[in-house]
Protein backbone atom coordinates (compact mmCIF):
# COMPACT_ATOMS: atom_id res chain seq x y z
CA MET A 1 -40.22 -87.12 38.84
CA ASN A 2 -37.57 -87.43 36.27
CA LYS A 3 -35.25 -84.46 36.31
CA GLY A 4 -34.47 -85.11 32.68
CA GLY A 5 -37.18 -82.59 31.97
CA SER A 6 -39.60 -84.42 29.64
CA VAL A 7 -42.96 -82.77 29.17
CA CYS A 8 -44.87 -85.95 29.95
CA CYS A 9 -43.36 -85.93 33.43
CA GLY A 10 -44.45 -82.38 34.07
CA TYR A 11 -41.25 -80.53 33.25
CA ASP A 12 -40.69 -78.14 30.34
CA ALA A 13 -37.85 -79.27 28.09
CA PRO A 14 -34.91 -76.85 28.04
CA PRO A 15 -34.75 -74.77 24.86
CA LEU A 16 -32.57 -76.16 22.07
CA THR A 17 -29.78 -74.16 20.58
CA ARG A 18 -29.94 -73.55 16.85
CA ARG A 19 -27.07 -76.01 16.30
CA GLU A 20 -28.82 -78.73 18.33
CA MET A 21 -32.07 -78.16 16.48
CA LEU A 22 -30.35 -78.56 13.10
CA GLN A 23 -28.52 -81.68 14.26
CA LYS A 24 -31.69 -83.34 15.54
CA SER A 25 -33.91 -82.41 12.60
CA SER A 26 -31.54 -82.66 9.64
CA ALA A 27 -32.62 -86.16 8.71
CA GLY A 28 -36.21 -85.00 8.62
CA PHE A 29 -35.58 -82.35 5.97
CA GLY A 30 -34.98 -84.99 3.35
CA ALA A 31 -38.14 -86.81 4.36
CA LEU A 32 -40.14 -83.59 4.14
CA ALA A 33 -38.74 -82.84 0.69
CA LEU A 34 -39.44 -86.39 -0.49
CA ALA A 35 -42.98 -86.23 0.84
CA GLY A 36 -43.51 -82.95 -0.99
CA LEU A 37 -42.21 -84.34 -4.25
CA LEU A 38 -44.27 -87.50 -3.96
CA GLY A 39 -47.31 -85.43 -3.13
CA GLU A 40 -46.83 -83.31 -6.23
CA GLU A 41 -46.42 -86.43 -8.36
CA ALA A 42 -49.51 -87.99 -6.84
CA ARG A 43 -51.59 -84.89 -7.49
CA ALA A 44 -50.31 -84.70 -11.05
CA ALA A 45 -51.09 -88.36 -11.65
CA ALA A 46 -54.57 -87.93 -10.19
CA THR A 47 -55.57 -84.76 -12.03
CA ASP A 48 -53.40 -84.33 -15.09
CA ASN A 49 -54.91 -85.01 -18.49
CA PRO A 50 -51.92 -85.84 -20.71
CA LEU A 51 -53.70 -84.29 -23.70
CA ALA A 52 -54.74 -81.07 -21.96
CA SER A 53 -53.31 -77.78 -23.18
CA ARG A 54 -50.54 -76.46 -20.91
CA GLN A 55 -49.05 -73.06 -20.37
CA PRO A 56 -45.61 -72.41 -21.93
CA HIS A 57 -42.64 -71.21 -19.89
CA PHE A 58 -43.04 -67.72 -21.35
CA PRO A 59 -45.28 -66.04 -23.97
CA ALA A 60 -45.19 -67.94 -27.25
CA LYS A 61 -45.21 -66.61 -30.80
CA ALA A 62 -46.00 -69.95 -32.44
CA LYS A 63 -48.91 -72.30 -31.75
CA ARG A 64 -48.21 -74.90 -34.40
CA ILE A 65 -45.59 -75.94 -36.95
CA ILE A 66 -45.58 -77.43 -40.44
CA PHE A 67 -42.28 -79.16 -41.21
CA LEU A 68 -41.56 -79.67 -44.92
CA PHE A 69 -38.90 -82.37 -44.85
CA MET A 70 -36.83 -82.91 -47.99
CA HIS A 71 -35.50 -86.44 -47.64
CA GLY A 72 -32.19 -87.37 -49.24
CA GLY A 73 -30.02 -84.27 -48.96
CA VAL A 74 -30.78 -81.14 -50.96
CA SER A 75 -27.71 -79.51 -52.46
CA GLN A 76 -27.33 -76.05 -50.95
CA VAL A 77 -25.11 -74.85 -53.82
CA ASP A 78 -27.77 -75.84 -56.36
CA SER A 79 -30.74 -74.32 -54.55
CA PHE A 80 -30.36 -71.21 -52.38
CA ASP A 81 -26.65 -70.81 -51.58
CA TYR A 82 -25.22 -69.10 -54.64
CA ARG A 83 -21.42 -69.36 -54.69
CA PRO A 84 -19.86 -67.36 -57.59
CA ALA A 85 -16.45 -68.84 -56.78
CA LEU A 86 -17.83 -72.33 -57.40
CA GLN A 87 -18.98 -71.32 -60.86
CA ARG A 88 -15.61 -69.66 -61.53
CA ASP A 89 -13.41 -72.51 -60.22
CA THR A 90 -15.26 -75.50 -61.65
CA GLY A 91 -12.85 -78.31 -62.52
CA LYS A 92 -10.24 -77.16 -60.01
CA PRO A 93 -9.37 -78.92 -56.73
CA TYR A 94 -11.10 -77.60 -53.63
CA PRO A 95 -8.52 -75.26 -52.05
CA GLY A 96 -9.46 -76.02 -48.46
CA LYS A 97 -9.27 -79.13 -46.33
CA LYS A 98 -11.85 -81.77 -47.18
CA PRO A 99 -13.62 -83.60 -44.33
CA ARG A 100 -11.89 -86.71 -43.08
CA ILE A 101 -15.03 -88.81 -43.54
CA VAL A 102 -17.10 -88.75 -46.73
CA SER A 103 -19.44 -91.32 -48.24
CA SER A 104 -17.12 -92.00 -51.16
CA ALA A 105 -14.23 -90.45 -53.09
CA THR A 106 -14.96 -86.99 -54.45
CA GLY A 107 -13.26 -85.07 -57.20
CA ASN A 108 -12.80 -81.45 -58.17
CA LEU A 109 -15.19 -78.55 -57.83
CA VAL A 110 -18.28 -78.78 -60.01
CA ALA A 111 -20.32 -75.71 -60.92
CA SER A 112 -24.07 -75.73 -60.46
CA PRO A 113 -25.88 -76.70 -63.67
CA TYR A 114 -28.60 -74.17 -62.86
CA SER A 115 -28.74 -70.44 -63.24
CA PHE A 116 -29.21 -68.15 -60.22
CA LYS A 117 -30.80 -64.76 -59.84
CA GLN A 118 -32.01 -62.49 -57.05
CA TYR A 119 -35.63 -62.26 -55.93
CA GLY A 120 -37.75 -59.83 -53.97
CA GLN A 121 -36.84 -56.64 -52.18
CA CYS A 122 -34.50 -58.66 -49.97
CA GLY A 123 -32.45 -59.74 -53.01
CA GLN A 124 -32.37 -63.41 -52.04
CA TRP A 125 -30.44 -65.61 -54.48
CA ALA A 126 -32.14 -68.77 -55.74
CA SER A 127 -31.62 -71.20 -58.59
CA ASP A 128 -34.10 -71.58 -61.39
CA ILE A 129 -35.42 -74.90 -60.03
CA PHE A 130 -37.35 -73.03 -57.29
CA PRO A 131 -39.05 -70.09 -59.05
CA HIS A 132 -42.24 -70.21 -56.95
CA ILE A 133 -40.53 -70.45 -53.56
CA ALA A 134 -38.02 -67.79 -54.63
CA SER A 135 -40.90 -65.45 -55.45
CA MET A 136 -41.89 -65.67 -51.75
CA SER A 137 -38.41 -64.64 -50.54
CA ASP A 138 -39.60 -61.50 -48.78
CA ASP A 139 -41.67 -63.75 -46.49
CA LEU A 140 -38.86 -66.21 -45.79
CA CYS A 141 -35.95 -66.41 -43.36
CA PHE A 142 -33.05 -68.37 -44.87
CA ILE A 143 -30.43 -69.98 -42.65
CA LYS A 144 -27.45 -70.65 -44.92
CA SER A 145 -25.12 -71.89 -42.21
CA MET A 146 -26.90 -75.01 -40.99
CA TYR A 147 -24.77 -78.04 -40.16
CA GLY A 148 -25.09 -81.44 -38.51
CA SER A 149 -22.85 -84.15 -37.12
CA ASN A 150 -23.32 -87.17 -39.37
CA SER A 151 -22.87 -87.92 -43.07
CA ARG A 152 -25.18 -90.98 -43.16
CA HIS A 153 -28.83 -90.62 -44.06
CA GLY A 154 -30.30 -92.50 -41.12
CA SER A 155 -28.17 -90.92 -38.42
CA ALA A 156 -28.45 -87.42 -39.87
CA LEU A 157 -32.21 -87.74 -40.26
CA LEU A 158 -32.59 -88.86 -36.64
CA GLU A 159 -30.37 -86.05 -35.35
CA LEU A 160 -32.55 -83.51 -37.14
CA HIS A 161 -35.79 -85.07 -35.89
CA THR A 162 -34.79 -86.23 -32.40
CA GLY A 163 -31.55 -84.47 -31.43
CA SER A 164 -29.51 -87.70 -31.40
CA ASP A 165 -27.76 -89.49 -34.24
CA THR A 166 -26.90 -92.56 -32.17
CA PHE A 167 -29.72 -93.30 -29.69
CA ILE A 168 -33.49 -93.64 -29.83
CA ARG A 169 -34.90 -90.38 -28.50
CA PRO A 170 -38.31 -88.65 -28.65
CA SER A 171 -38.93 -86.67 -31.81
CA MET A 172 -39.36 -82.91 -31.97
CA GLY A 173 -43.14 -83.18 -32.45
CA SER A 174 -43.42 -85.43 -29.41
CA TRP A 175 -41.45 -82.98 -27.26
CA LEU A 176 -43.67 -80.08 -28.33
CA ASN A 177 -46.85 -81.91 -27.42
CA TYR A 178 -45.36 -83.14 -24.16
CA GLY A 179 -44.50 -79.57 -23.25
CA LEU A 180 -47.72 -77.89 -24.41
CA GLY A 181 -50.39 -80.58 -24.64
CA PHE A 182 -52.92 -80.84 -27.44
CA GLU A 183 -54.63 -77.83 -28.95
CA ASN A 184 -57.57 -79.96 -30.13
CA GLN A 185 -58.67 -82.87 -27.94
CA ASN A 186 -60.39 -84.56 -30.90
CA LEU A 187 -57.30 -84.85 -33.08
CA PRO A 188 -53.74 -86.09 -32.70
CA GLY A 189 -51.17 -83.52 -31.69
CA TYR A 190 -48.62 -84.85 -34.19
CA ILE A 191 -49.20 -86.06 -37.76
CA THR A 192 -46.63 -87.09 -40.35
CA PHE A 193 -47.62 -87.51 -44.01
CA LYS A 194 -45.99 -90.26 -46.07
CA PRO A 195 -42.76 -90.49 -44.04
CA THR A 196 -39.87 -92.61 -45.17
CA GLY A 197 -39.84 -96.14 -43.78
CA THR A 198 -36.05 -96.27 -44.03
CA HIS A 199 -33.21 -94.19 -42.58
CA GLY A 200 -34.51 -94.29 -39.03
CA GLY A 201 -38.05 -95.27 -39.92
CA MET A 202 -40.59 -94.89 -37.12
CA ASN A 203 -37.94 -93.57 -34.74
CA ALA A 204 -38.11 -90.26 -36.62
CA TRP A 205 -41.68 -89.67 -35.35
CA SER A 206 -41.55 -91.77 -32.19
CA SER A 207 -42.31 -90.62 -28.66
CA ALA A 208 -39.59 -93.07 -27.46
CA PHE A 209 -39.58 -92.94 -23.64
CA LEU A 210 -42.08 -90.08 -23.45
CA PRO A 211 -45.67 -91.20 -22.77
CA ALA A 212 -47.18 -92.87 -25.81
CA HIS A 213 -49.85 -90.16 -26.13
CA TYR A 214 -47.22 -88.01 -27.85
CA HIS A 215 -46.28 -90.49 -30.57
CA GLY A 216 -46.70 -89.25 -34.14
CA VAL A 217 -49.63 -90.53 -36.22
CA GLN A 218 -48.49 -91.76 -39.61
CA ILE A 219 -50.72 -91.02 -42.59
CA GLY A 220 -49.69 -93.07 -45.60
CA THR A 221 -46.27 -94.26 -46.72
CA LYS A 222 -43.97 -93.24 -49.52
CA ALA A 223 -45.77 -95.77 -51.76
CA THR A 224 -49.32 -94.74 -50.76
CA PRO A 225 -51.30 -92.87 -53.45
CA ILE A 226 -51.99 -89.46 -51.97
CA ASP A 227 -55.78 -89.71 -52.23
CA ARG A 228 -55.59 -92.87 -50.09
CA ALA A 229 -53.25 -91.39 -47.49
CA LYS A 230 -55.68 -91.11 -44.59
CA ILE A 231 -55.68 -91.84 -40.87
CA PRO A 232 -56.02 -95.66 -40.69
CA PHE A 233 -59.36 -97.18 -39.65
CA ILE A 234 -61.03 -93.79 -39.34
CA ASP A 235 -64.22 -94.92 -41.08
CA ARG A 236 -66.98 -96.48 -38.95
CA ASN A 237 -68.13 -98.80 -41.75
CA GLY A 238 -71.77 -98.05 -41.00
CA LYS A 239 -71.65 -98.83 -37.29
CA PRO A 240 -73.65 -96.30 -35.21
CA LEU A 241 -71.68 -94.10 -32.83
CA SER A 242 -73.94 -95.20 -29.97
CA SER A 243 -72.93 -98.84 -30.45
CA GLN A 244 -69.25 -97.91 -30.60
CA ARG A 245 -69.66 -95.83 -27.45
CA ARG A 246 -71.10 -98.80 -25.50
CA GLU A 247 -68.30 -101.08 -26.73
CA LEU A 248 -65.67 -98.50 -25.79
CA ASP A 249 -67.17 -97.96 -22.34
CA LEU A 250 -67.06 -101.70 -21.65
CA LEU A 251 -63.48 -101.93 -22.87
CA ALA A 252 -62.48 -98.91 -20.74
CA GLN A 253 -64.09 -100.49 -17.68
CA ILE A 254 -62.13 -103.71 -18.17
CA ASN A 255 -58.88 -101.83 -18.79
CA ARG A 256 -59.34 -99.59 -15.74
CA GLU A 257 -60.00 -102.60 -13.52
CA HIS A 258 -56.81 -104.09 -14.87
CA LEU A 259 -55.03 -100.78 -14.26
CA SER A 260 -56.21 -100.65 -10.64
CA GLU A 261 -54.66 -104.09 -10.06
CA ARG A 262 -51.35 -103.15 -11.67
CA GLY A 263 -51.05 -99.63 -10.29
CA HIS A 264 -49.41 -97.00 -12.48
CA ASP A 265 -48.83 -98.33 -16.01
CA ASN A 266 -47.93 -95.71 -18.59
CA LYS A 267 -48.50 -97.99 -21.58
CA LEU A 268 -51.92 -99.16 -20.41
CA GLU A 269 -53.02 -95.61 -19.58
CA ALA A 270 -51.86 -94.51 -23.04
CA ARG A 271 -53.84 -97.35 -24.64
CA ILE A 272 -57.02 -96.29 -22.80
CA ASN A 273 -56.52 -92.71 -23.94
CA SER A 274 -55.76 -93.80 -27.50
CA PHE A 275 -59.11 -95.61 -27.78
CA GLU A 276 -60.91 -92.50 -26.56
CA LEU A 277 -58.99 -90.27 -28.98
CA ALA A 278 -59.69 -92.65 -31.87
CA PHE A 279 -63.42 -92.49 -31.08
CA ARG A 280 -63.41 -88.69 -31.06
CA MET A 281 -61.35 -88.59 -34.26
CA GLN A 282 -63.99 -90.55 -36.14
CA ALA A 283 -66.23 -87.51 -35.88
CA ALA A 284 -63.58 -84.84 -36.58
CA ALA A 285 -61.00 -86.30 -38.97
CA PRO A 286 -63.15 -87.38 -41.95
CA GLU A 287 -64.36 -83.82 -42.44
CA ILE A 288 -60.78 -82.52 -42.44
CA GLN A 289 -59.61 -85.20 -44.86
CA ASN A 290 -62.43 -84.39 -47.29
CA ILE A 291 -61.22 -81.52 -49.49
CA ASP A 292 -64.39 -81.26 -51.60
CA ASN A 293 -65.25 -77.96 -49.96
CA GLU A 294 -62.00 -76.36 -51.14
CA THR A 295 -62.37 -74.02 -54.11
CA GLU A 296 -60.88 -74.90 -57.46
CA ALA A 297 -58.66 -71.83 -57.14
CA THR A 298 -57.25 -73.15 -53.86
CA LYS A 299 -56.65 -76.61 -55.29
CA LYS A 300 -54.86 -75.03 -58.24
CA LEU A 301 -52.80 -72.87 -55.90
CA TYR A 302 -51.42 -76.05 -54.33
CA GLY A 303 -50.88 -77.73 -57.71
CA LEU A 304 -53.60 -80.36 -57.41
CA ASP A 305 -54.46 -79.83 -61.08
CA ASP A 306 -51.04 -81.11 -62.20
CA PRO A 307 -49.98 -84.77 -61.82
CA LYS A 308 -46.41 -83.63 -61.10
CA THR A 309 -47.35 -81.50 -58.10
CA ARG A 310 -50.55 -83.28 -57.00
CA ASP A 311 -48.97 -85.57 -54.41
CA PHE A 312 -47.00 -83.02 -52.43
CA GLY A 313 -49.65 -80.40 -53.11
CA ARG A 314 -52.27 -82.50 -51.36
CA GLN A 315 -49.88 -83.10 -48.47
CA CYS A 316 -49.46 -79.34 -48.09
CA LEU A 317 -53.20 -78.68 -48.36
CA MET A 318 -53.93 -81.34 -45.75
CA ALA A 319 -51.19 -79.86 -43.57
CA ARG A 320 -52.99 -76.52 -43.70
CA ARG A 321 -56.34 -78.12 -42.89
CA TYR A 322 -55.01 -80.13 -39.94
CA SER A 323 -53.03 -77.15 -38.64
CA GLU A 324 -56.11 -74.97 -38.96
CA ALA A 325 -58.02 -77.56 -36.92
CA GLY A 326 -55.45 -77.46 -34.11
CA VAL A 327 -52.86 -80.17 -34.81
CA ARG A 328 -49.70 -78.78 -33.26
CA PHE A 329 -47.06 -80.55 -35.40
CA VAL A 330 -47.63 -81.60 -39.02
CA GLN A 331 -44.88 -82.97 -41.24
CA CYS A 332 -44.90 -83.43 -45.01
CA SER A 333 -42.12 -85.45 -46.64
CA GLN A 334 -40.66 -85.48 -50.13
CA GLY A 335 -37.76 -87.50 -51.47
CA TYR A 336 -35.50 -88.41 -53.04
CA TRP A 337 -32.76 -85.81 -53.39
CA ASP A 338 -29.79 -88.21 -53.05
CA ALA A 339 -28.02 -87.18 -56.27
CA HIS A 340 -24.69 -89.01 -56.26
CA GLY A 341 -25.16 -88.98 -60.02
CA GLY A 342 -27.59 -87.39 -62.42
CA LEU A 343 -27.88 -84.33 -60.19
CA LYS A 344 -29.11 -82.00 -62.92
CA ASN A 345 -32.19 -84.06 -63.69
CA ASN A 346 -32.72 -85.28 -60.14
CA HIS A 347 -32.87 -81.90 -58.44
CA ARG A 348 -34.86 -80.29 -61.22
CA ASP A 349 -37.44 -83.09 -61.18
CA VAL A 350 -37.86 -83.33 -57.41
CA ALA A 351 -37.91 -79.55 -57.00
CA GLY A 352 -40.66 -79.47 -59.62
CA ASN A 353 -42.75 -81.71 -57.36
CA VAL A 354 -42.61 -79.37 -54.37
CA ASP A 355 -41.91 -75.82 -55.56
CA LYS A 356 -45.45 -74.71 -56.42
CA PRO A 357 -47.17 -76.52 -53.51
CA ILE A 358 -44.83 -74.98 -50.94
CA ALA A 359 -45.29 -71.48 -52.32
CA GLY A 360 -49.04 -72.13 -52.41
CA LEU A 361 -49.04 -73.24 -48.77
CA ILE A 362 -47.17 -70.12 -47.63
CA ALA A 363 -49.43 -67.83 -49.65
CA ASP A 364 -52.60 -69.56 -48.43
CA MET A 365 -51.52 -69.52 -44.78
CA LYS A 366 -50.66 -65.84 -45.06
CA ALA A 367 -53.97 -64.96 -46.71
CA ARG A 368 -55.92 -66.75 -43.98
CA GLY A 369 -53.96 -65.10 -41.16
CA LEU A 370 -52.59 -68.47 -40.06
CA LEU A 371 -48.98 -67.56 -40.72
CA GLU A 372 -49.04 -65.18 -37.75
CA ASP A 373 -48.94 -68.06 -35.25
CA THR A 374 -47.86 -70.99 -37.45
CA LEU A 375 -44.20 -71.73 -38.11
CA ILE A 376 -43.26 -73.25 -41.47
CA LEU A 377 -39.91 -75.02 -41.60
CA TRP A 378 -38.20 -76.36 -44.75
CA GLY A 379 -35.09 -78.49 -44.45
CA THR A 380 -33.13 -81.63 -45.20
CA GLU A 381 -30.88 -84.04 -43.30
CA PHE A 382 -27.65 -82.71 -44.87
CA GLY A 383 -26.38 -80.75 -47.84
CA ARG A 384 -24.08 -81.90 -50.62
CA THR A 385 -20.46 -81.35 -51.54
CA PRO A 386 -19.39 -78.63 -53.99
CA VAL A 387 -16.90 -81.15 -55.31
CA GLY A 388 -18.28 -83.74 -57.65
CA GLN A 389 -18.85 -87.45 -57.93
CA GLY A 390 -18.19 -87.81 -61.61
CA SER A 391 -19.31 -84.88 -63.71
CA ASP A 392 -22.94 -84.74 -62.50
CA GLY A 393 -23.19 -85.82 -58.88
CA ARG A 394 -22.45 -84.66 -55.35
CA ASP A 395 -21.71 -86.53 -52.14
CA HIS A 396 -23.26 -86.18 -48.69
CA ASN A 397 -22.16 -83.09 -46.78
CA PRO A 398 -23.31 -82.49 -43.16
CA HIS A 399 -21.01 -79.46 -42.86
CA ALA A 400 -23.26 -77.06 -44.78
CA MET A 401 -26.91 -76.88 -45.78
CA THR A 402 -29.63 -74.30 -46.23
CA PHE A 403 -32.96 -74.20 -44.35
CA PHE A 404 -35.71 -71.65 -44.47
CA LEU A 405 -38.46 -70.67 -42.05
CA ALA A 406 -41.56 -68.54 -42.33
CA GLY A 407 -44.26 -67.33 -40.02
CA ALA A 408 -44.66 -66.93 -36.30
CA GLY A 409 -41.88 -64.92 -34.68
CA VAL A 410 -39.35 -65.23 -37.51
CA LYS A 411 -37.83 -62.24 -39.32
CA PRO A 412 -38.96 -62.27 -42.96
CA GLY A 413 -36.77 -61.39 -45.94
CA ILE A 414 -33.40 -62.14 -44.37
CA ALA A 415 -30.52 -64.55 -44.92
CA TYR A 416 -28.61 -65.58 -41.82
CA GLY A 417 -25.12 -67.07 -41.82
CA SER A 418 -22.97 -68.13 -44.73
CA THR A 419 -20.67 -70.82 -46.05
CA ASP A 420 -17.12 -70.55 -47.37
CA ASP A 421 -16.51 -69.29 -50.92
CA HIS A 422 -17.29 -72.67 -52.47
CA GLY A 423 -20.11 -73.73 -50.11
CA TYR A 424 -18.37 -76.66 -48.42
CA TYR A 425 -18.50 -75.55 -44.77
CA ALA A 426 -20.81 -73.32 -42.75
CA THR A 427 -18.48 -70.58 -41.55
CA GLU A 428 -20.31 -67.46 -40.35
CA ASN A 429 -23.02 -67.66 -37.65
CA ARG A 430 -23.08 -71.44 -37.77
CA VAL A 431 -26.35 -73.08 -36.69
CA HIS A 432 -26.31 -76.70 -35.58
CA PHE A 433 -29.44 -78.87 -35.53
CA HIS A 434 -29.51 -78.45 -31.74
CA ASP A 435 -29.51 -74.65 -32.13
CA LEU A 436 -32.43 -74.91 -34.55
CA GLN A 437 -34.34 -77.16 -32.14
CA ALA A 438 -33.70 -74.77 -29.24
CA THR A 439 -34.95 -71.89 -31.39
CA ILE A 440 -38.11 -73.72 -32.42
CA LEU A 441 -38.93 -74.55 -28.79
CA HIS A 442 -38.27 -70.92 -27.89
CA LEU A 443 -40.82 -69.76 -30.49
CA PHE A 444 -43.36 -72.01 -28.76
CA GLY A 445 -42.56 -70.42 -25.40
CA LEU A 446 -40.47 -73.33 -24.16
CA ASP A 447 -37.01 -73.13 -22.62
CA HIS A 448 -35.14 -76.07 -24.13
CA LYS A 449 -33.09 -76.45 -20.93
CA ARG A 450 -36.22 -76.69 -18.78
CA LEU A 451 -38.24 -78.99 -21.03
CA THR A 452 -36.97 -82.26 -19.58
CA TYR A 453 -38.22 -85.76 -18.88
CA ARG A 454 -36.68 -88.09 -16.30
CA TYR A 455 -35.96 -91.54 -17.67
CA ALA A 456 -33.56 -94.23 -16.43
CA GLY A 457 -32.26 -91.91 -13.72
CA ARG A 458 -31.45 -89.00 -16.00
CA ASP A 459 -33.20 -85.83 -17.13
CA PHE A 460 -33.39 -85.87 -20.95
CA ARG A 461 -34.18 -83.02 -23.32
CA LEU A 462 -34.49 -82.58 -27.08
CA THR A 463 -31.18 -80.72 -27.34
CA ASP A 464 -29.37 -83.07 -24.93
CA VAL A 465 -26.59 -80.90 -23.41
CA HIS A 466 -26.27 -78.60 -26.42
CA GLY A 467 -28.12 -75.85 -28.25
CA ASP A 468 -28.38 -72.06 -28.24
CA VAL A 469 -31.39 -70.03 -29.35
CA VAL A 470 -30.64 -68.09 -32.55
CA HIS A 471 -32.12 -64.77 -31.40
CA ASP A 472 -30.87 -62.89 -34.47
CA ILE A 473 -33.51 -64.48 -36.69
CA LEU A 474 -36.41 -63.73 -34.31
CA THR A 475 -38.67 -60.70 -34.27
């Protein structure tokens, strides 16, 4: 017999010391960990429905969001950031240091052409171009110290929507649906009404490297008449659902056979799911898009009786209807606020398109109890300079802008942060786009540092390596 002591030869092996055991088994720890990780991935791939609702990291206060995007750059000093010093010092040079990079040469300080007054018990200042929104001030949370990183429309717009002003990244709506799944399996999780086709274009509502299930669904374009802005190809054109079901089943069978040959293919899996979702939407979406059952009082509340407010009013009404039906992220867009010249007429005209519909949306959501778990966000890609371009224009200004929020988990009737005396820079309690994004995710019960997706060997997140939750504005 071998005195080496192997069990097969009838001898008990001598006991190993702890050090020997670690030395002999250390290589196996990695294999065990890898096997565990691969097992988890395999189980997830086998059982996970990418559209299924998922639990947040912690209890959420918001279930859905309506983002009212004001494309072009709303001037903070002509809307909600009243600066008495700007009115007093009009015509004088700005006393501080101007940014090194601006879109073009800018002159002296120019007073707002609008009058301001205080509204509500909170005493919020607002200009006379937003009388309806201002009347809702006690329900709103204003952030007057927002700022971004880029003075160009496209880059600033993408940073607001995706967290990056230089790379293609998933949009905020895509991240939310990736983290939480779909609230309604028969509808998209992300809809954007009449988005701009420029300044980032589709990248502003793209899922980028996230699975394609989370891509935004575009309804209409800037040039689409609002009554024709509907989900494309939603009508069956008289074909019975039973016939469509047989066609879809055959197509799914062919695609799944193809998928079994190729193995895991995210794009093909997303295509299969998209056909199924489109089929289910044909039953659910037409009813939502048909507003005939809305009362005349409701339509008037949103401004559908006035040609000036009808377009954005219908966007807002449809946003309420889709949100009510369980669409997690709905965006309405309105341009064009880019007033390098003719600011007085530009801002008054564009504000007149959106003021009543937005106030109507907030009032309607509140009356229906939807505001309790729906977040409403109003914002723009950058503000404008307090110094002028000519006598009636303002340049791009990413260093200061005003946003407001309402609804789920947000303190109403407050103004957070401030700019300098003339409104050029956010100075007190500054809030970057990344801070806003982190705060929005937090309201949905998501930790922005934990909501990650591995792509190209790196864990990505909406806020990249930045962002702090603004707890002071939360209830």
